[in-house]
Amino acid sequence: MDHEILHDFAPQCREHEGDSAEPRYRFPHFGANGFYPGRGRAPSPLQPEQIATAMAFLQMFRPTKHGTLSSYFLKHAAENWGGKIGLCSYVSNGALILAALMLGLVVEPHRPDWLLSPNADIGISRRDFRRITGSY
């Protein structure tokens, strides 16, 4: 993945409050799986059509000040929605996270670091999510 993309959008990501590290280097393993590709694996590339589907999906919800729903949960909801309206029926976790960053939504990587979780909590309204999708 082109790390310049993350450089442009990573400042919205709340990795560590007060962290002054260059955003481009915060997530060197970011790819289609999310923040970490899995032990011993290289990051997989992101697909623009998946990012576009995730962006269209996330734009339906009001932003919140804190992460509220898991990126992994939301990726499945975006897939279901995308498949029904003729967009991508597969959205990677990384595409969902990057879409959230591009939209300026709060993205909070799961902690602690030693878990190497690829997931994040995305700041969208739970109420909007329930109203629009009929779930959760």
C-alpha atoms as a PDB file:
ATOM      1  CA  MET A   1       0.000   0.000   0.000  1.00  0.00           C
ATOM      2  CA  ASP A   2       1.166   3.520  -0.672  1.00  0.00           C
ATOM      3  CA  HIS A   3       2.010   4.856   2.768  1.00  0.00           C
ATOM      4  CA  GLU A   4       1.510   8.413   1.510  1.00  0.00           C
ATOM      5  CA  ILE A   5      -2.242   7.718   1.690  1.00  0.00           C
ATOM      6  CA  LEU A   6      -1.970   6.980   5.402  1.00  0.00           C
ATOM      7  CA  HIS A   7       0.267  10.005   5.870  1.00  0.00           C
ATOM      8  CA  ASP A   8      -2.551  12.200   4.577  1.00  0.00           C
ATOM      9  CA  PHE A   9      -5.269  10.685   6.754  1.00  0.00           C
ATOM     10  CA  ALA A  10      -3.585   9.241   9.847  1.00  0.00           C
ATOM     11  CA  PRO A  11      -3.777  12.450  11.918  1.00  0.00           C
ATOM     12  CA  GLN A  12      -7.475  11.691  12.583  1.00  0.00           C
ATOM     13  CA  CYS A  13      -6.507   8.298  13.968  1.00  0.00           C
ATOM     14  CA  ARG A  14      -6.244   8.320  17.736  1.00  0.00           C
ATOM     15  CA  GLU A  15      -3.316   5.984  18.182  1.00  0.00           C
ATOM     16  CA  HIS A  16      -1.931   7.701  21.279  1.00  0.00           C
ATOM     17  CA  GLU A  17      -3.188  10.961  22.693  1.00  0.00           C
ATOM     18  CA  GLY A  18      -0.422  13.533  22.356  1.00  0.00           C
ATOM     19  CA  ASP A  19       1.651  11.299  20.072  1.00  0.00           C
ATOM     20  CA  SER A  20       3.842  13.521  17.948  1.00  0.00           C
ATOM     21  CA  ALA A  21       5.303  10.720  15.806  1.00  0.00           C
ATOM     22  CA  GLU A  22       5.151  11.246  12.060  1.00  0.00           C
ATOM     23  CA  PRO A  23       1.772   9.727  11.032  1.00  0.00           C
ATOM     24  CA  ARG A  24       3.282   8.046   7.997  1.00  0.00           C
ATOM     25  CA  TYR A  25       5.251   5.734  10.291  1.00  0.00           C
ATOM     26  CA  ARG A  26       2.510   4.959  12.806  1.00  0.00           C
ATOM     27  CA  PHE A  27       1.036   2.067  10.834  1.00  0.00           C
ATOM     28  CA  PRO A  28       3.779   0.533   8.677  1.00  0.00           C
ATOM     29  CA  HIS A  29       1.900  -2.767   8.333  1.00  0.00           C
ATOM     30  CA  PHE A  30      -1.451  -1.298   7.265  1.00  0.00           C
ATOM     31  CA  GLY A  31      -3.144  -3.118   4.404  1.00  0.00           C
ATOM     32  CA  ALA A  32      -6.332  -4.909   3.404  1.00  0.00           C
ATOM     33  CA  ASN A  33      -6.507  -6.762   6.739  1.00  0.00           C
ATOM     34  CA  GLY A  34      -6.293  -3.514   8.698  1.00  0.00           C
ATOM     35  CA  PHE A  35      -3.583  -2.270  11.035  1.00  0.00           C
ATOM     36  CA  TYR A  36      -1.720  -5.602  11.166  1.00  0.00           C
ATOM     37  CA  PRO A  37      -1.670  -8.314   8.465  1.00  0.00           C
ATOM     38  CA  GLY A  38      -1.203 -11.206  10.880  1.00  0.00           C
ATOM     39  CA  ARG A  39       1.924 -12.807  12.218  1.00  0.00           C
ATOM     40  CA  GLY A  40       4.500 -13.515   9.535  1.00  0.00           C
ATOM     41  CA  ARG A  41       2.392 -12.037   6.736  1.00  0.00           C
ATOM     42  CA  ALA A  42       2.954  -9.014   4.539  1.00  0.00           C
ATOM     43  CA  PRO A  43       0.215  -6.379   4.127  1.00  0.00           C
ATOM     44  CA  SER A  44      -2.153  -7.027   1.220  1.00  0.00           C
ATOM     45  CA  PRO A  45      -3.017  -4.169  -1.161  1.00  0.00           C
ATOM     46  CA  LEU A  46      -6.251  -2.211  -0.806  1.00  0.00           C
ATOM     47  CA  GLN A  47      -8.792  -2.170  -3.641  1.00  0.00           C
ATOM     48  CA  PRO A  48     -10.196   1.247  -4.658  1.00  0.00           C
ATOM     49  CA  GLU A  49     -13.691  -0.116  -5.377  1.00  0.00           C
ATOM     50  CA  GLN A  50     -13.882  -1.522  -1.847  1.00  0.00           C
ATOM     51  CA  ILE A  51     -12.816   1.816  -0.385  1.00  0.00           C
ATOM     52  CA  ALA A  52     -15.495   3.558  -2.486  1.00  0.00           C
ATOM     53  CA  THR A  53     -18.187   1.134  -1.246  1.00  0.00           C
ATOM     54  CA  ALA A  54     -17.086   1.633   2.365  1.00  0.00           C
ATOM     55  CA  MET A  55     -17.091   5.419   1.961  1.00  0.00           C
ATOM     56  CA  ALA A  56     -20.601   5.411   0.478  1.00  0.00           C
ATOM     57  CA  PHE A  57     -21.778   3.202   3.348  1.00  0.00           C
ATOM     58  CA  LEU A  58     -20.159   5.227   6.146  1.00  0.00           C
ATOM     59  CA  GLN A  59     -21.461   8.536   4.757  1.00  0.00           C
ATOM     60  CA  MET A  60     -24.976   7.501   5.781  1.00  0.00           C
ATOM     61  CA  PHE A  61     -24.140   7.858   9.488  1.00  0.00           C
ATOM     62  CA  ARG A  62     -23.512  10.840  11.728  1.00  0.00           C
ATOM     63  CA  PRO A  63     -19.988  10.972  13.169  1.00  0.00           C
ATOM     64  CA  THR A  64     -19.310  10.630  16.882  1.00  0.00           C
ATOM     65  CA  LYS A  65     -16.446  11.863  19.045  1.00  0.00           C
ATOM     66  CA  HIS A  66     -15.358   8.342  20.024  1.00  0.00           C
ATOM     67  CA  GLY A  67     -15.117   4.974  18.325  1.00  0.00           C
ATOM     68  CA  THR A  68     -18.410   3.139  18.714  1.00  0.00           C
ATOM     69  CA  LEU A  69     -18.487   0.144  16.354  1.00  0.00           C
ATOM     70  CA  SER A  70     -15.792  -2.311  15.311  1.00  0.00           C
ATOM     71  CA  SER A  71     -14.336  -1.978  11.827  1.00  0.00           C
ATOM     72  CA  TYR A  72     -14.704  -5.738  11.396  1.00  0.00           C
ATOM     73  CA  PHE A  73     -18.412  -5.586  12.259  1.00  0.00           C
ATOM     74  CA  LEU A  74     -18.912  -2.573   9.981  1.00  0.00           C
ATOM     75  CA  LYS A  75     -17.073  -4.207   7.070  1.00  0.00           C
ATOM     76  CA  HIS A  76     -19.676  -6.996   7.068  1.00  0.00           C
ATOM     77  CA  ALA A  77     -22.523  -4.503   7.212  1.00  0.00           C
ATOM     78  CA  ALA A  78     -20.954  -2.562   4.303  1.00  0.00           C
ATOM     79  CA  GLU A  79     -20.663  -5.806   2.304  1.00  0.00           C
ATOM     80  CA  ASN A  80     -24.344  -6.649   2.861  1.00  0.00           C
ATOM     81  CA  TRP A  81     -25.400  -3.125   1.920  1.00  0.00           C
ATOM     82  CA  GLY A  82     -23.050  -2.935  -1.069  1.00  0.00           C
ATOM     83  CA  GLY A  83     -24.238  -6.247  -2.465  1.00  0.00           C
ATOM     84  CA  LYS A  84     -27.877  -5.155  -2.259  1.00  0.00           C
ATOM     85  CA  ILE A  85     -27.343  -1.901  -4.175  1.00  0.00           C
ATOM     86  CA  GLY A  86     -24.875  -3.123  -6.800  1.00  0.00           C
ATOM     87  CA  LEU A  87     -21.598  -2.026  -5.206  1.00  0.00           C
ATOM     88  CA  CYS A  88     -18.904  -4.340  -3.816  1.00  0.00           C
ATOM     89  CA  SER A  89     -20.191  -7.356  -1.943  1.00  0.00           C
ATOM     90  CA  TYR A  90     -16.733  -7.736  -0.383  1.00  0.00           C
ATOM     91  CA  VAL A  91     -15.054  -4.948   1.610  1.00  0.00           C
ATOM     92  CA  SER A  92     -11.772  -5.565   3.403  1.00  0.00           C
ATOM     93  CA  ASN A  93     -11.262  -4.423   6.972  1.00  0.00           C
ATOM     94  CA  GLY A  94      -8.459  -2.111   5.796  1.00  0.00           C
ATOM     95  CA  ALA A  95     -10.685  -0.565   3.105  1.00  0.00           C
ATOM     96  CA  LEU A  96     -13.308   0.214   5.761  1.00  0.00           C
ATOM     97  CA  ILE A  97     -10.723   1.761   8.093  1.00  0.00           C
ATOM     98  CA  LEU A  98      -9.158   3.853   5.330  1.00  0.00           C
ATOM     99  CA  ALA A  99     -12.608   5.010   4.164  1.00  0.00           C
ATOM    100  CA  ALA A 100     -13.369   6.149   7.724  1.00  0.00           C
ATOM    101  CA  LEU A 101     -10.079   8.062   7.868  1.00  0.00           C
ATOM    102  CA  MET A 102     -10.727   9.657   4.485  1.00  0.00           C
ATOM    103  CA  LEU A 103     -14.139  10.817   5.722  1.00  0.00           C
ATOM    104  CA  GLY A 104     -12.595  12.316   8.854  1.00  0.00           C
ATOM    105  CA  LEU A 105     -14.312   9.860  11.215  1.00  0.00           C
ATOM    106  CA  VAL A 106     -12.744   8.921  14.529  1.00  0.00           C
ATOM    107  CA  VAL A 107     -10.686   5.741  14.190  1.00  0.00           C
ATOM    108  CA  GLU A 108      -9.365   4.168  17.394  1.00  0.00           C
ATOM    109  CA  PRO A 109      -7.099   1.130  16.918  1.00  0.00           C
ATOM    110  CA  HIS A 110      -7.872  -1.724  19.300  1.00  0.00           C
ATOM    111  CA  ARG A 111      -5.547  -1.962  22.273  1.00  0.00           C
ATOM    112  CA  PRO A 112      -3.303  -3.247  23.715  1.00  0.00           C
ATOM    113  CA  ASP A 113      -0.568  -3.266  21.080  1.00  0.00           C
ATOM    114  CA  TRP A 114       0.637  -6.747  21.955  1.00  0.00           C
ATOM    115  CA  LEU A 115      -2.585  -8.191  20.548  1.00  0.00           C
ATOM    116  CA  LEU A 116      -1.636  -6.884  17.095  1.00  0.00           C
ATOM    117  CA  SER A 117      -5.313  -6.464  16.313  1.00  0.00           C
ATOM    118  CA  PRO A 118      -6.062  -5.411  12.743  1.00  0.00           C
ATOM    119  CA  ASN A 119      -9.329  -3.816  13.908  1.00  0.00           C
ATOM    120  CA  ALA A 120     -10.380  -0.373  15.066  1.00  0.00           C
ATOM    121  CA  ASP A 121     -13.449   1.266  16.541  1.00  0.00           C
ATOM    122  CA  ILE A 122     -15.067   3.699  14.107  1.00  0.00           C
ATOM    123  CA  GLY A 123     -16.929   6.773  15.337  1.00  0.00           C
ATOM    124  CA  ILE A 124     -20.406   6.602  13.836  1.00  0.00           C
ATOM    125  CA  SER A 125     -23.801   6.938  15.491  1.00  0.00           C
ATOM    126  CA  ARG A 126     -25.147   3.616  16.823  1.00  0.00           C
ATOM    127  CA  ARG A 127     -28.651   5.053  16.629  1.00  0.00           C
ATOM    128  CA  ASP A 128     -28.204   5.882  12.929  1.00  0.00           C
ATOM    129  CA  PHE A 129     -26.742   2.438  12.328  1.00  0.00           C
ATOM    130  CA  ARG A 130     -29.746   0.711  13.927  1.00  0.00           C
ATOM    131  CA  ARG A 131     -32.219   2.949  12.104  1.00  0.00           C
ATOM    132  CA  ILE A 132     -30.599   2.531   8.667  1.00  0.00           C
ATOM    133  CA  THR A 133     -29.546  -1.120   8.790  1.00  0.00           C
ATOM    134  CA  GLY A 134     -32.153  -2.505  11.179  1.00  0.00           C
ATOM    135  CA  SER A 135     -29.487  -4.356  13.169  1.00  0.00           C
ATOM    136  CA  TYR A 136     -27.317  -4.101  16.275  1.00  0.00           C
END
